[in-house]
Amino acid sequence: VDLCILLGCDYCDSIRGVGPKTALKLIREHKNIETILQQLDRNKYGVPDTWVPNEARRKKQKAEQATVDTDDEKDDEEEKKEQDDNDNEKQSKDDDDEIVPIYVQARRLFDEHEVYNKDQIDIKWKPCQAEALTKYLVDDMAFSAERVKSSIEKLQKAFKSTSKPQARMDSFFQVKSNPNAKKIAEKKKAAAKAAAAEKKKKGKGLGGKRKR
């Protein structure tokens, strides 16, 4: 699963610069993504912030704190102390609220995916709800209205074409007998008989020779 995530999946970004060969090499050497991230050269490979969200957040907070400290040099010591106390409280709260890395969430989708019992599902092929589907895709998700309309028309056409009972395979073909089947069979039989006679003749010829 970790190899699949490194190679690129639909659930998260991939590490820039890590292709199939490098991904396989890293997995063979380090076994899992957590260890890979600890050993990976960050200057060579671009790790998305979503893969190390807590680390990225701490870097951002340090940068913000450096800016605040520069501004605080102009303030008195009392205001600076109050600001430090607030920052420490915020840092403690952030540490308690750890963000789950995106690759961990992706791994869970592979390992702990939801599975339904077949007896709990009743799938029926029904016409698409064009109005509701258009509202969701166009109004809510901002898809192209023209493309959505075209796709819905294709769905409706597909439903009409498959609404009739499925035909048997033999209805697509008509079996016809070969008019030359008898002649072909007789020809093969004659050829096999001639080959057998020739073989028998050669056997007798070899048997009649004297051994020296």
N, C-alpha and C. Protein backbone atom coordinates (compact mmCIF):
# COMPACT_ATOMS: atom_id res chain seq x y z
N VAL A 1 0.83 -1.20 0.00
CA VAL A 1 0.00 0.00 0.00
C VAL A 1 0.87 1.26 0.00
N ASP A 2 1.92 1.26 0.81
CA ASP A 2 2.81 2.42 0.86
C ASP A 2 3.49 2.66 -0.49
N LEU A 3 3.83 1.57 -1.18
CA LEU A 3 4.42 1.71 -2.51
C LEU A 3 3.42 2.35 -3.46
N CYS A 4 2.18 1.93 -3.38
CA CYS A 4 1.12 2.51 -4.21
C CYS A 4 0.98 4.00 -3.97
N ILE A 5 1.03 4.41 -2.71
CA ILE A 5 0.91 5.83 -2.35
C ILE A 5 2.09 6.62 -2.89
N LEU A 6 3.29 6.06 -2.76
CA LEU A 6 4.49 6.74 -3.28
C LEU A 6 4.44 6.88 -4.79
N LEU A 7 3.89 5.87 -5.47
CA LEU A 7 3.80 5.92 -6.93
C LEU A 7 2.77 6.94 -7.39
N GLY A 8 1.83 7.29 -6.51
CA GLY A 8 0.80 8.27 -6.85
C GLY A 8 -0.57 7.63 -6.86
N CYS A 9 -1.47 8.16 -6.04
CA CYS A 9 -2.84 7.66 -6.02
C CYS A 9 -3.79 8.85 -6.01
N ASP A 10 -5.08 8.57 -6.07
CA ASP A 10 -6.08 9.64 -6.18
C ASP A 10 -6.33 10.36 -4.86
N TYR A 11 -5.79 9.83 -3.76
CA TYR A 11 -6.15 10.35 -2.45
C TYR A 11 -5.17 11.37 -1.88
N CYS A 12 -4.00 11.50 -2.49
CA CYS A 12 -3.04 12.47 -1.97
C CYS A 12 -2.00 12.82 -3.02
N ASP A 13 -1.26 13.90 -2.74
CA ASP A 13 -0.16 14.30 -3.62
C ASP A 13 0.99 13.30 -3.48
N SER A 14 1.90 13.37 -4.42
CA SER A 14 3.08 12.50 -4.36
C SER A 14 4.33 13.34 -4.09
N ILE A 15 5.40 12.69 -3.73
CA ILE A 15 6.66 13.39 -3.45
C ILE A 15 7.35 13.72 -4.78
N ARG A 16 7.64 14.99 -4.96
CA ARG A 16 8.26 15.43 -6.21
C ARG A 16 9.66 14.82 -6.34
N GLY A 17 9.91 14.19 -7.50
CA GLY A 17 11.22 13.60 -7.76
C GLY A 17 11.29 12.11 -7.48
N VAL A 18 10.25 11.55 -6.87
CA VAL A 18 10.23 10.12 -6.58
C VAL A 18 9.41 9.40 -7.65
N GLY A 19 10.11 8.67 -8.53
CA GLY A 19 9.44 7.90 -9.56
C GLY A 19 9.32 6.44 -9.15
N PRO A 20 8.88 5.58 -10.09
CA PRO A 20 8.69 4.16 -9.77
C PRO A 20 9.95 3.47 -9.24
N LYS A 21 11.10 3.69 -9.87
CA LYS A 21 12.34 3.03 -9.44
C LYS A 21 12.75 3.49 -8.04
N THR A 22 12.70 4.80 -7.82
CA THR A 22 13.10 5.33 -6.51
C THR A 22 12.13 4.89 -5.43
N ALA A 23 10.85 4.89 -5.76
CA ALA A 23 9.83 4.46 -4.78
C ALA A 23 10.06 3.02 -4.34
N LEU A 24 10.29 2.15 -5.32
CA LEU A 24 10.53 0.73 -5.00
C LEU A 24 11.81 0.56 -4.17
N LYS A 25 12.84 1.31 -4.53
CA LYS A 25 14.10 1.25 -3.78
C LYS A 25 13.91 1.71 -2.34
N LEU A 26 13.17 2.79 -2.15
CA LEU A 26 12.94 3.32 -0.80
C LEU A 26 12.13 2.35 0.06
N ILE A 27 11.11 1.74 -0.55
CA ILE A 27 10.28 0.79 0.20
C ILE A 27 11.08 -0.44 0.58
N ARG A 28 11.90 -0.93 -0.33
CA ARG A 28 12.74 -2.10 -0.03
C ARG A 28 13.73 -1.81 1.09
N GLU A 29 14.20 -0.57 1.12
CA GLU A 29 15.22 -0.21 2.10
C GLU A 29 14.62 0.17 3.45
N HIS A 30 13.51 0.93 3.44
CA HIS A 30 12.98 1.48 4.69
C HIS A 30 11.62 0.90 5.12
N LYS A 31 10.98 0.15 4.23
CA LYS A 31 9.75 -0.60 4.55
C LYS A 31 8.47 0.22 4.62
N ASN A 32 8.52 1.46 5.11
CA ASN A 32 7.29 2.26 5.23
C ASN A 32 7.58 3.73 5.02
N ILE A 33 6.52 4.51 4.81
CA ILE A 33 6.66 5.94 4.49
C ILE A 33 7.22 6.73 5.66
N GLU A 34 6.83 6.38 6.89
CA GLU A 34 7.31 7.11 8.06
C GLU A 34 8.84 7.10 8.12
N THR A 35 9.43 5.93 7.93
CA THR A 35 10.89 5.83 7.96
C THR A 35 11.52 6.51 6.76
N ILE A 36 10.86 6.42 5.64
CA ILE A 36 11.36 7.07 4.42
C ILE A 36 11.46 8.58 4.63
N LEU A 37 10.45 9.18 5.22
CA LEU A 37 10.44 10.63 5.45
C LEU A 37 11.55 11.04 6.41
N GLN A 38 11.89 10.17 7.34
CA GLN A 38 12.98 10.48 8.28
C GLN A 38 14.34 10.47 7.60
N GLN A 39 14.50 9.62 6.58
CA GLN A 39 15.80 9.45 5.93
C GLN A 39 15.92 10.22 4.61
N LEU A 40 14.81 10.70 4.09
CA LEU A 40 14.79 11.31 2.76
C LEU A 40 15.51 12.66 2.73
N ASP A 41 16.24 12.89 1.66
CA ASP A 41 16.94 14.17 1.45
C ASP A 41 15.91 15.21 0.99
N ARG A 42 15.52 16.10 1.89
CA ARG A 42 14.47 17.07 1.57
C ARG A 42 14.94 18.10 0.54
N ASN A 43 16.24 18.28 0.42
CA ASN A 43 16.76 19.22 -0.57
C ASN A 43 16.66 18.65 -1.99
N LYS A 44 16.67 17.34 -2.07
CA LYS A 44 16.61 16.67 -3.38
C LYS A 44 15.18 16.34 -3.78
N TYR A 45 14.37 15.96 -2.79
CA TYR A 45 12.99 15.55 -3.07
C TYR A 45 12.01 16.49 -2.38
N GLY A 46 10.98 16.90 -3.12
CA GLY A 46 10.00 17.83 -2.59
C GLY A 46 8.86 17.13 -1.88
N VAL A 47 8.86 17.17 -0.55
CA VAL A 47 7.80 16.54 0.24
C VAL A 47 6.68 17.56 0.47
N PRO A 48 5.44 17.27 0.06
CA PRO A 48 4.33 18.21 0.27
C PRO A 48 4.09 18.45 1.75
N ASP A 49 3.63 19.66 2.09
CA ASP A 49 3.34 19.98 3.49
C ASP A 49 2.26 19.07 4.07
N THR A 50 1.36 18.58 3.21
CA THR A 50 0.30 17.70 3.70
C THR A 50 0.83 16.35 4.18
N TRP A 51 2.04 16.00 3.76
CA TRP A 51 2.66 14.75 4.21
C TRP A 51 3.28 14.94 5.59
N VAL A 52 3.72 16.16 5.90
CA VAL A 52 4.32 16.48 7.20
C VAL A 52 3.63 17.73 7.76
N PRO A 53 2.31 17.66 7.99
CA PRO A 53 1.55 18.86 8.36
C PRO A 53 1.96 19.49 9.67
N ASN A 54 2.29 18.66 10.65
CA ASN A 54 2.68 19.21 11.97
C ASN A 54 4.03 19.90 11.90
N GLU A 55 4.94 19.31 11.14
CA GLU A 55 6.25 19.93 10.94
C GLU A 55 6.10 21.25 10.19
N ALA A 56 5.24 21.26 9.17
CA ALA A 56 5.02 22.47 8.39
C ALA A 56 4.38 23.56 9.24
N ARG A 57 3.47 23.15 10.12
CA ARG A 57 2.81 24.12 10.99
C ARG A 57 3.80 24.74 11.97
N ARG A 58 4.70 23.90 12.51
CA ARG A 58 5.69 24.44 13.46
C ARG A 58 6.64 25.42 12.79
N LYS A 59 7.02 25.13 11.55
CA LYS A 59 7.89 26.05 10.81
C LYS A 59 7.19 27.38 10.58
N LYS A 60 5.90 27.30 10.25
CA LYS A 60 5.13 28.52 10.02
C LYS A 60 5.02 29.34 11.30
N GLN A 61 4.81 28.65 12.41
CA GLN A 61 4.67 29.34 13.69
C GLN A 61 5.99 30.01 14.09
N LYS A 62 7.11 29.33 13.81
CA LYS A 62 8.42 29.92 14.13
C LYS A 62 8.67 31.17 13.30
N ALA A 63 8.26 31.11 12.04
CA ALA A 63 8.44 32.28 11.18
C ALA A 63 7.58 33.43 11.67
N GLU A 64 6.35 33.12 12.07
CA GLU A 64 5.47 34.17 12.60
C GLU A 64 6.01 34.73 13.91
N GLN A 65 6.56 33.84 14.74
CA GLN A 65 7.11 34.27 16.02
C GLN A 65 8.32 35.18 15.83
N ALA A 66 9.13 34.87 14.82
CA ALA A 66 10.30 35.71 14.55
C ALA A 66 9.87 37.11 14.16
N THR A 67 8.78 37.20 13.40
CA THR A 67 8.26 38.52 13.00
C THR A 67 7.72 39.26 14.21
N VAL A 68 7.01 38.52 15.09
CA VAL A 68 6.46 39.14 16.30
C VAL A 68 7.57 39.62 17.21
N ASP A 69 8.63 38.81 17.34
CA ASP A 69 9.74 39.19 18.21
C ASP A 69 10.42 40.47 17.72
N THR A 70 10.51 40.63 16.42
CA THR A 70 11.12 41.83 15.86
C THR A 70 10.29 43.06 16.20
N ASP A 71 8.96 42.88 16.11
CA ASP A 71 8.08 44.00 16.43
C ASP A 71 8.07 44.29 17.93
N ASP A 72 8.24 43.21 18.71
CA ASP A 72 8.17 43.37 20.16
C ASP A 72 9.37 44.11 20.73
N GLU A 73 10.44 44.20 19.97
CA GLU A 73 11.61 44.92 20.46
C GLU A 73 11.29 46.39 20.72
N LYS A 74 10.25 46.84 20.06
CA LYS A 74 9.85 48.24 20.23
C LYS A 74 8.91 48.42 21.41
N ASP A 75 8.39 47.30 21.92
CA ASP A 75 7.45 47.37 23.04
C ASP A 75 8.20 47.20 24.36
N ASP A 76 7.49 47.43 25.42
CA ASP A 76 8.11 47.26 26.74
C ASP A 76 8.11 45.79 27.14
N GLU A 77 8.82 45.47 28.21
CA GLU A 77 9.01 44.08 28.64
C GLU A 77 7.70 43.43 29.08
N GLU A 78 6.80 44.18 29.66
CA GLU A 78 5.53 43.62 30.14
C GLU A 78 4.67 43.12 28.97
N GLU A 79 4.56 43.89 27.93
CA GLU A 79 3.77 43.47 26.78
C GLU A 79 4.41 42.26 26.09
N LYS A 80 5.75 42.24 26.05
CA LYS A 80 6.45 41.11 25.44
C LYS A 80 6.21 39.83 26.22
N LYS A 81 6.22 39.90 27.55
CA LYS A 81 5.99 38.74 28.40
C LYS A 81 4.58 38.20 28.19
N GLU A 82 3.61 39.10 28.11
CA GLU A 82 2.22 38.69 27.88
C GLU A 82 2.09 37.97 26.53
N GLN A 83 2.77 38.50 25.51
CA GLN A 83 2.73 37.89 24.18
C GLN A 83 3.36 36.50 24.19
N ASP A 84 4.48 36.35 24.94
CA ASP A 84 5.15 35.06 25.03
C ASP A 84 4.25 34.02 25.70
N ASP A 85 3.53 34.45 26.75
CA ASP A 85 2.63 33.53 27.44
C ASP A 85 1.52 33.06 26.51
N ASN A 86 0.98 33.98 25.71
CA ASN A 86 -0.08 33.63 24.76
C ASN A 86 0.43 32.67 23.70
N ASP A 87 1.67 32.91 23.24
CA ASP A 87 2.25 32.05 22.21
C ASP A 87 2.51 30.64 22.75
N ASN A 88 2.97 30.56 24.01
CA ASN A 88 3.22 29.26 24.61
C ASN A 88 1.93 28.47 24.80
N GLU A 89 0.87 29.19 25.17
CA GLU A 89 -0.43 28.54 25.34
C GLU A 89 -0.95 28.02 24.00
N LYS A 90 -0.76 28.82 22.95
CA LYS A 90 -1.19 28.41 21.61
C LYS A 90 -0.39 27.21 21.12
N GLN A 91 0.93 27.22 21.40
CA GLN A 91 1.78 26.12 20.99
C GLN A 91 1.37 24.82 21.68
N SER A 92 1.05 24.90 22.97
CA SER A 92 0.63 23.73 23.72
C SER A 92 -0.66 23.17 23.18
N LYS A 93 -1.59 24.04 22.80
CA LYS A 93 -2.87 23.62 22.24
C LYS A 93 -2.66 22.94 20.89
N ASP A 94 -1.76 23.52 20.07
CA ASP A 94 -1.48 22.95 18.75
C ASP A 94 -0.83 21.58 18.86
N ASP A 95 0.04 21.41 19.88
CA ASP A 95 0.71 20.13 20.07
C ASP A 95 -0.30 19.04 20.42
N ASP A 96 -1.34 19.43 21.17
CA ASP A 96 -2.37 18.45 21.54
C ASP A 96 -3.24 18.09 20.35
N ASP A 97 -3.36 19.01 19.41
CA ASP A 97 -4.22 18.81 18.24
C ASP A 97 -3.37 18.47 17.03
N GLU A 98 -2.81 17.27 17.02
CA GLU A 98 -1.94 16.84 15.94
C GLU A 98 -2.74 16.59 14.66
N ILE A 99 -2.20 17.00 13.54
CA ILE A 99 -2.85 16.79 12.25
C ILE A 99 -2.40 15.46 11.66
N VAL A 100 -3.33 14.69 11.17
CA VAL A 100 -3.01 13.39 10.57
C VAL A 100 -2.45 13.62 9.16
N PRO A 101 -1.26 13.14 8.85
CA PRO A 101 -0.69 13.31 7.51
C PRO A 101 -1.60 12.72 6.44
N ILE A 102 -1.58 13.30 5.26
CA ILE A 102 -2.47 12.89 4.18
C ILE A 102 -2.20 11.46 3.72
N TYR A 103 -0.92 11.04 3.76
CA TYR A 103 -0.62 9.67 3.32
C TYR A 103 -1.16 8.64 4.30
N VAL A 104 -1.27 9.01 5.59
CA VAL A 104 -1.86 8.12 6.58
C VAL A 104 -3.37 7.97 6.31
N GLN A 105 -4.00 9.07 5.95
CA GLN A 105 -5.43 9.02 5.62
C GLN A 105 -5.66 8.16 4.38
N ALA A 106 -4.76 8.30 3.40
CA ALA A 106 -4.86 7.50 2.17
C ALA A 106 -4.68 6.02 2.49
N ARG A 107 -3.73 5.72 3.36
CA ARG A 107 -3.47 4.34 3.75
C ARG A 107 -4.70 3.72 4.41
N ARG A 108 -5.38 4.52 5.22
CA ARG A 108 -6.59 4.02 5.89
C ARG A 108 -7.68 3.68 4.88
N LEU A 109 -7.76 4.47 3.81
CA LEU A 109 -8.77 4.18 2.79
C LEU A 109 -8.50 2.84 2.11
N PHE A 110 -7.23 2.47 2.00
CA PHE A 110 -6.88 1.17 1.41
C PHE A 110 -7.08 0.04 2.42
N ASP A 111 -6.63 0.25 3.66
CA ASP A 111 -6.62 -0.82 4.65
C ASP A 111 -7.96 -0.98 5.37
N GLU A 112 -8.68 0.12 5.54
CA GLU A 112 -9.91 0.07 6.34
C GLU A 112 -11.10 0.56 5.54
N HIS A 113 -11.13 0.22 4.26
CA HIS A 113 -12.23 0.69 3.42
C HIS A 113 -13.56 0.05 3.84
N GLU A 114 -14.61 0.79 3.61
CA GLU A 114 -15.93 0.34 4.02
C GLU A 114 -16.42 -0.78 3.10
N VAL A 115 -16.89 -1.85 3.69
CA VAL A 115 -17.37 -3.00 2.92
C VAL A 115 -18.78 -3.35 3.36
N TYR A 116 -19.66 -3.51 2.39
CA TYR A 116 -21.03 -3.88 2.68
C TYR A 116 -21.26 -5.35 2.33
N ASN A 117 -22.13 -5.98 3.08
CA ASN A 117 -22.55 -7.33 2.75
C ASN A 117 -23.44 -7.29 1.52
N LYS A 118 -23.26 -8.24 0.61
CA LYS A 118 -24.03 -8.23 -0.63
C LYS A 118 -25.53 -8.29 -0.38
N ASP A 119 -25.93 -8.88 0.76
CA ASP A 119 -27.36 -8.97 1.08
C ASP A 119 -27.93 -7.63 1.51
N GLN A 120 -27.05 -6.68 1.86
CA GLN A 120 -27.50 -5.36 2.30
C GLN A 120 -27.67 -4.39 1.14
N ILE A 121 -27.28 -4.80 -0.04
CA ILE A 121 -27.29 -3.89 -1.19
C ILE A 121 -28.26 -4.40 -2.26
N ASP A 122 -29.08 -3.52 -2.72
CA ASP A 122 -30.01 -3.84 -3.80
C ASP A 122 -29.80 -2.82 -4.92
N ILE A 123 -28.96 -3.18 -5.88
CA ILE A 123 -28.61 -2.27 -6.96
C ILE A 123 -29.60 -2.40 -8.11
N LYS A 124 -30.16 -1.29 -8.49
CA LYS A 124 -31.11 -1.27 -9.61
C LYS A 124 -30.69 -0.20 -10.61
N TRP A 125 -30.76 -0.55 -11.86
CA TRP A 125 -30.39 0.36 -12.95
C TRP A 125 -31.59 1.22 -13.28
N LYS A 126 -31.57 2.48 -12.81
CA LYS A 126 -32.70 3.40 -13.00
C LYS A 126 -32.26 4.59 -13.84
N PRO A 127 -33.22 5.30 -14.42
CA PRO A 127 -32.86 6.51 -15.19
C PRO A 127 -32.20 7.54 -14.27
N CYS A 128 -31.21 8.27 -14.79
CA CYS A 128 -30.54 9.28 -13.96
C CYS A 128 -31.50 10.43 -13.68
N GLN A 129 -31.36 11.01 -12.51
CA GLN A 129 -32.19 12.16 -12.13
C GLN A 129 -31.53 13.42 -12.67
N ALA A 130 -31.90 13.76 -13.89
CA ALA A 130 -31.21 14.82 -14.62
C ALA A 130 -31.20 16.15 -13.87
N GLU A 131 -32.33 16.53 -13.32
CA GLU A 131 -32.43 17.84 -12.65
C GLU A 131 -31.56 17.89 -11.39
N ALA A 132 -31.67 16.85 -10.57
CA ALA A 132 -30.89 16.81 -9.32
C ALA A 132 -29.40 16.70 -9.62
N LEU A 133 -29.06 15.89 -10.63
CA LEU A 133 -27.65 15.71 -11.00
C LEU A 133 -27.05 17.01 -11.53
N THR A 134 -27.82 17.72 -12.34
CA THR A 134 -27.36 19.01 -12.88
C THR A 134 -27.14 20.02 -11.77
N LYS A 135 -28.08 20.08 -10.83
CA LYS A 135 -27.98 21.03 -9.71
C LYS A 135 -26.72 20.76 -8.89
N TYR A 136 -26.45 19.47 -8.62
CA TYR A 136 -25.29 19.13 -7.81
C TYR A 136 -23.99 19.43 -8.53
N LEU A 137 -23.88 19.00 -9.79
CA LEU A 137 -22.63 19.14 -10.52
C LEU A 137 -22.36 20.58 -10.96
N VAL A 138 -23.40 21.27 -11.39
CA VAL A 138 -23.21 22.63 -11.92
C VAL A 138 -23.26 23.67 -10.81
N ASP A 139 -24.33 23.65 -10.01
CA ASP A 139 -24.51 24.68 -8.98
C ASP A 139 -23.59 24.49 -7.77
N ASP A 140 -23.50 23.24 -7.31
CA ASP A 140 -22.72 22.98 -6.08
C ASP A 140 -21.24 22.76 -6.36
N MET A 141 -20.92 22.02 -7.44
CA MET A 141 -19.53 21.66 -7.70
C MET A 141 -18.88 22.47 -8.83
N ALA A 142 -19.63 23.35 -9.45
CA ALA A 142 -19.10 24.29 -10.46
C ALA A 142 -18.55 23.59 -11.71
N PHE A 143 -19.15 22.48 -12.10
CA PHE A 143 -18.77 21.85 -13.37
C PHE A 143 -19.40 22.61 -14.53
N SER A 144 -18.83 22.40 -15.71
CA SER A 144 -19.35 23.05 -16.91
C SER A 144 -20.76 22.55 -17.21
N ALA A 145 -21.70 23.48 -17.36
CA ALA A 145 -23.10 23.12 -17.62
C ALA A 145 -23.24 22.38 -18.94
N GLU A 146 -22.47 22.79 -19.94
CA GLU A 146 -22.54 22.15 -21.26
C GLU A 146 -22.04 20.71 -21.19
N ARG A 147 -20.94 20.50 -20.50
CA ARG A 147 -20.39 19.14 -20.39
C ARG A 147 -21.30 18.24 -19.58
N VAL A 148 -21.89 18.78 -18.52
CA VAL A 148 -22.82 18.00 -17.70
C VAL A 148 -24.04 17.60 -18.51
N LYS A 149 -24.56 18.52 -19.29
CA LYS A 149 -25.73 18.23 -20.13
C LYS A 149 -25.41 17.13 -21.13
N SER A 150 -24.23 17.22 -21.75
CA SER A 150 -23.82 16.21 -22.73
C SER A 150 -23.68 14.83 -22.08
N SER A 151 -23.10 14.80 -20.88
CA SER A 151 -22.90 13.53 -20.17
C SER A 151 -24.23 12.91 -19.75
N ILE A 152 -25.16 13.75 -19.32
CA ILE A 152 -26.48 13.25 -18.92
C ILE A 152 -27.21 12.66 -20.11
N GLU A 153 -27.09 13.31 -21.27
CA GLU A 153 -27.73 12.78 -22.48
C GLU A 153 -27.15 11.41 -22.84
N LYS A 154 -25.84 11.23 -22.65
CA LYS A 154 -25.22 9.93 -22.92
C LYS A 154 -25.73 8.88 -21.95
N LEU A 155 -25.89 9.25 -20.68
CA LEU A 155 -26.42 8.33 -19.68
C LEU A 155 -27.84 7.90 -20.03
N GLN A 156 -28.65 8.88 -20.44
CA GLN A 156 -30.03 8.58 -20.79
C GLN A 156 -30.11 7.66 -22.01
N LYS A 157 -29.23 7.91 -22.98
CA LYS A 157 -29.19 7.07 -24.17
C LYS A 157 -28.75 5.66 -23.83
N ALA A 158 -27.76 5.55 -22.95
CA ALA A 158 -27.27 4.23 -22.54
C ALA A 158 -28.34 3.46 -21.78
N PHE A 159 -29.11 4.16 -20.96
CA PHE A 159 -30.17 3.50 -20.20
C PHE A 159 -31.25 2.95 -21.13
N LYS A 160 -31.62 3.73 -22.14
CA LYS A 160 -32.64 3.28 -23.09
C LYS A 160 -32.18 2.06 -23.88
N SER A 161 -30.90 2.06 -24.24
CA SER A 161 -30.38 0.96 -25.06
C SER A 161 -30.24 -0.34 -24.26
N THR A 162 -30.14 -0.22 -22.94
CA THR A 162 -29.97 -1.42 -22.11
C THR A 162 -31.21 -1.76 -21.29
N SER A 163 -32.29 -1.04 -21.53
CA SER A 163 -33.51 -1.29 -20.75
C SER A 163 -34.22 -2.56 -21.19
N LYS A 164 -33.97 -3.01 -22.42
CA LYS A 164 -34.57 -4.25 -22.91
C LYS A 164 -33.79 -5.44 -22.35
N PRO A 165 -34.45 -6.60 -22.22
CA PRO A 165 -33.74 -7.80 -21.73
C PRO A 165 -32.55 -8.12 -22.62
N GLN A 166 -31.48 -8.55 -22.02
CA GLN A 166 -30.27 -8.86 -22.78
C GLN A 166 -30.48 -10.08 -23.66
N ALA A 167 -30.10 -9.97 -24.93
CA ALA A 167 -30.28 -11.05 -25.89
C ALA A 167 -29.27 -12.16 -25.66
N ARG A 168 -29.64 -13.37 -26.07
CA ARG A 168 -28.72 -14.49 -25.97
C ARG A 168 -27.61 -14.35 -26.99
N MET A 169 -26.47 -14.97 -26.70
CA MET A 169 -25.33 -14.87 -27.60
C MET A 169 -25.63 -15.43 -28.98
N ASP A 170 -26.39 -16.56 -29.03
CA ASP A 170 -26.66 -17.18 -30.33
C ASP A 170 -27.58 -16.34 -31.22
N SER A 171 -28.22 -15.31 -30.63
CA SER A 171 -29.09 -14.47 -31.45
C SER A 171 -28.28 -13.52 -32.35
N PHE A 172 -26.99 -13.35 -32.02
CA PHE A 172 -26.15 -12.47 -32.82
C PHE A 172 -25.55 -13.20 -34.03
N PHE A 173 -25.59 -14.53 -34.01
CA PHE A 173 -24.96 -15.31 -35.07
C PHE A 173 -25.93 -16.36 -35.61
N GLN A 174 -25.77 -16.68 -36.86
CA GLN A 174 -26.57 -17.72 -37.48
C GLN A 174 -25.65 -18.85 -37.92
N VAL A 175 -25.87 -20.02 -37.35
CA VAL A 175 -25.01 -21.16 -37.63
C VAL A 175 -25.40 -21.78 -38.97
N LYS A 176 -24.44 -21.92 -39.87
CA LYS A 176 -24.67 -22.52 -41.18
C LYS A 176 -23.71 -23.68 -41.38
N SER A 177 -24.21 -24.75 -41.99
CA SER A 177 -23.35 -25.90 -42.26
C SER A 177 -22.50 -25.65 -43.49
N ASN A 178 -21.31 -26.20 -43.51
CA ASN A 178 -20.39 -26.04 -44.65
C ASN A 178 -20.80 -27.02 -45.76
N PRO A 179 -21.15 -26.54 -46.95
CA PRO A 179 -21.60 -27.43 -48.03
C PRO A 179 -20.51 -28.40 -48.48
N ASN A 180 -19.27 -28.06 -48.24
CA ASN A 180 -18.15 -28.91 -48.66
C ASN A 180 -17.61 -29.77 -47.51
N ALA A 181 -18.34 -29.81 -46.39
CA ALA A 181 -17.87 -30.53 -45.22
C ALA A 181 -17.64 -32.00 -45.52
N LYS A 182 -18.56 -32.65 -46.29
CA LYS A 182 -18.45 -34.07 -46.60
C LYS A 182 -17.24 -34.35 -47.47
N LYS A 183 -17.00 -33.51 -48.48
CA LYS A 183 -15.86 -33.68 -49.37
C LYS A 183 -14.54 -33.52 -48.62
N ILE A 184 -14.52 -32.53 -47.74
CA ILE A 184 -13.30 -32.26 -46.96
C ILE A 184 -12.99 -33.45 -46.05
N ALA A 185 -14.04 -34.01 -45.42
CA ALA A 185 -13.85 -35.15 -44.53
C ALA A 185 -13.33 -36.36 -45.29
N GLU A 186 -13.90 -36.61 -46.49
CA GLU A 186 -13.46 -37.75 -47.31
C GLU A 186 -12.01 -37.56 -47.77
N LYS A 187 -11.65 -36.33 -48.11
CA LYS A 187 -10.29 -36.03 -48.55
C LYS A 187 -9.29 -36.29 -47.43
N LYS A 188 -9.62 -35.84 -46.21
CA LYS A 188 -8.74 -36.06 -45.06
C LYS A 188 -8.60 -37.54 -44.76
N LYS A 189 -9.71 -38.28 -44.89
CA LYS A 189 -9.69 -39.71 -44.62
C LYS A 189 -8.81 -40.46 -45.63
N ALA A 190 -8.93 -40.06 -46.91
CA ALA A 190 -8.13 -40.69 -47.96
C ALA A 190 -6.64 -40.39 -47.76
N ALA A 191 -6.33 -39.13 -47.37
CA ALA A 191 -4.94 -38.74 -47.15
C ALA A 191 -4.34 -39.51 -45.98
N ALA A 192 -5.13 -39.70 -44.90
CA ALA A 192 -4.64 -40.45 -43.75
C ALA A 192 -4.41 -41.91 -44.11
N LYS A 193 -5.30 -42.49 -44.97
CA LYS A 193 -5.17 -43.88 -45.38
C LYS A 193 -3.92 -44.08 -46.25
N ALA A 194 -3.68 -43.11 -47.16
CA ALA A 194 -2.51 -43.19 -48.03
C ALA A 194 -1.22 -43.07 -47.22
N ALA A 195 -1.22 -42.18 -46.21
CA ALA A 195 -0.04 -42.00 -45.37
C ALA A 195 0.26 -43.27 -44.58
N ALA A 196 -0.79 -43.93 -44.11
CA ALA A 196 -0.61 -45.18 -43.36
C ALA A 196 -0.06 -46.28 -44.25
N ALA A 197 -0.55 -46.37 -45.50
CA ALA A 197 -0.07 -47.38 -46.44
C ALA A 197 1.39 -47.15 -46.79
N GLU A 198 1.77 -45.88 -46.98
CA GLU A 198 3.15 -45.53 -47.31
C GLU A 198 4.10 -45.89 -46.18
N LYS A 199 3.63 -45.66 -44.95
CA LYS A 199 4.44 -45.97 -43.78
C LYS A 199 4.64 -47.48 -43.66
N LYS A 200 3.60 -48.24 -43.94
CA LYS A 200 3.67 -49.69 -43.87
C LYS A 200 4.62 -50.26 -44.92
N LYS A 201 4.56 -49.65 -46.11
CA LYS A 201 5.41 -50.07 -47.22
C LYS A 201 6.88 -49.85 -46.89
N LYS A 202 7.20 -48.70 -46.30
CA LYS A 202 8.58 -48.39 -45.93
C LYS A 202 9.08 -49.35 -44.85
N GLY A 203 8.19 -49.75 -43.96
CA GLY A 203 8.56 -50.67 -42.89
C GLY A 203 8.94 -52.04 -43.42
N LYS A 204 8.22 -52.50 -44.40
CA LYS A 204 8.53 -53.81 -45.01
C LYS A 204 9.85 -53.75 -45.75
N GLY A 205 10.13 -52.64 -46.42
CA GLY A 205 11.38 -52.50 -47.18
C GLY A 205 12.58 -52.58 -46.28
N LEU A 206 12.52 -51.94 -45.13
CA LEU A 206 13.65 -51.96 -44.20
C LEU A 206 13.85 -53.31 -43.58
N GLY A 207 12.76 -54.05 -43.38
CA GLY A 207 12.83 -55.36 -42.75
C GLY A 207 13.43 -56.41 -43.66
N GLY A 208 13.38 -56.22 -44.98
CA GLY A 208 13.88 -57.22 -45.93
C GLY A 208 15.38 -57.15 -46.14
N LYS A 209 16.05 -56.07 -45.69
CA LYS A 209 17.50 -55.92 -45.89
C LYS A 209 18.28 -56.78 -44.90
N ARG A 210 19.41 -57.38 -45.39
CA ARG A 210 20.27 -58.16 -44.54
C ARG A 210 21.23 -57.27 -43.74
N LYS A 211 21.47 -57.66 -42.55
CA LYS A 211 22.43 -56.94 -41.71
C LYS A 211 23.82 -57.44 -41.99
N ARG A 212 24.78 -56.57 -42.15
CA ARG A 212 26.17 -56.95 -42.39
C ARG A 212 26.94 -56.96 -41.09
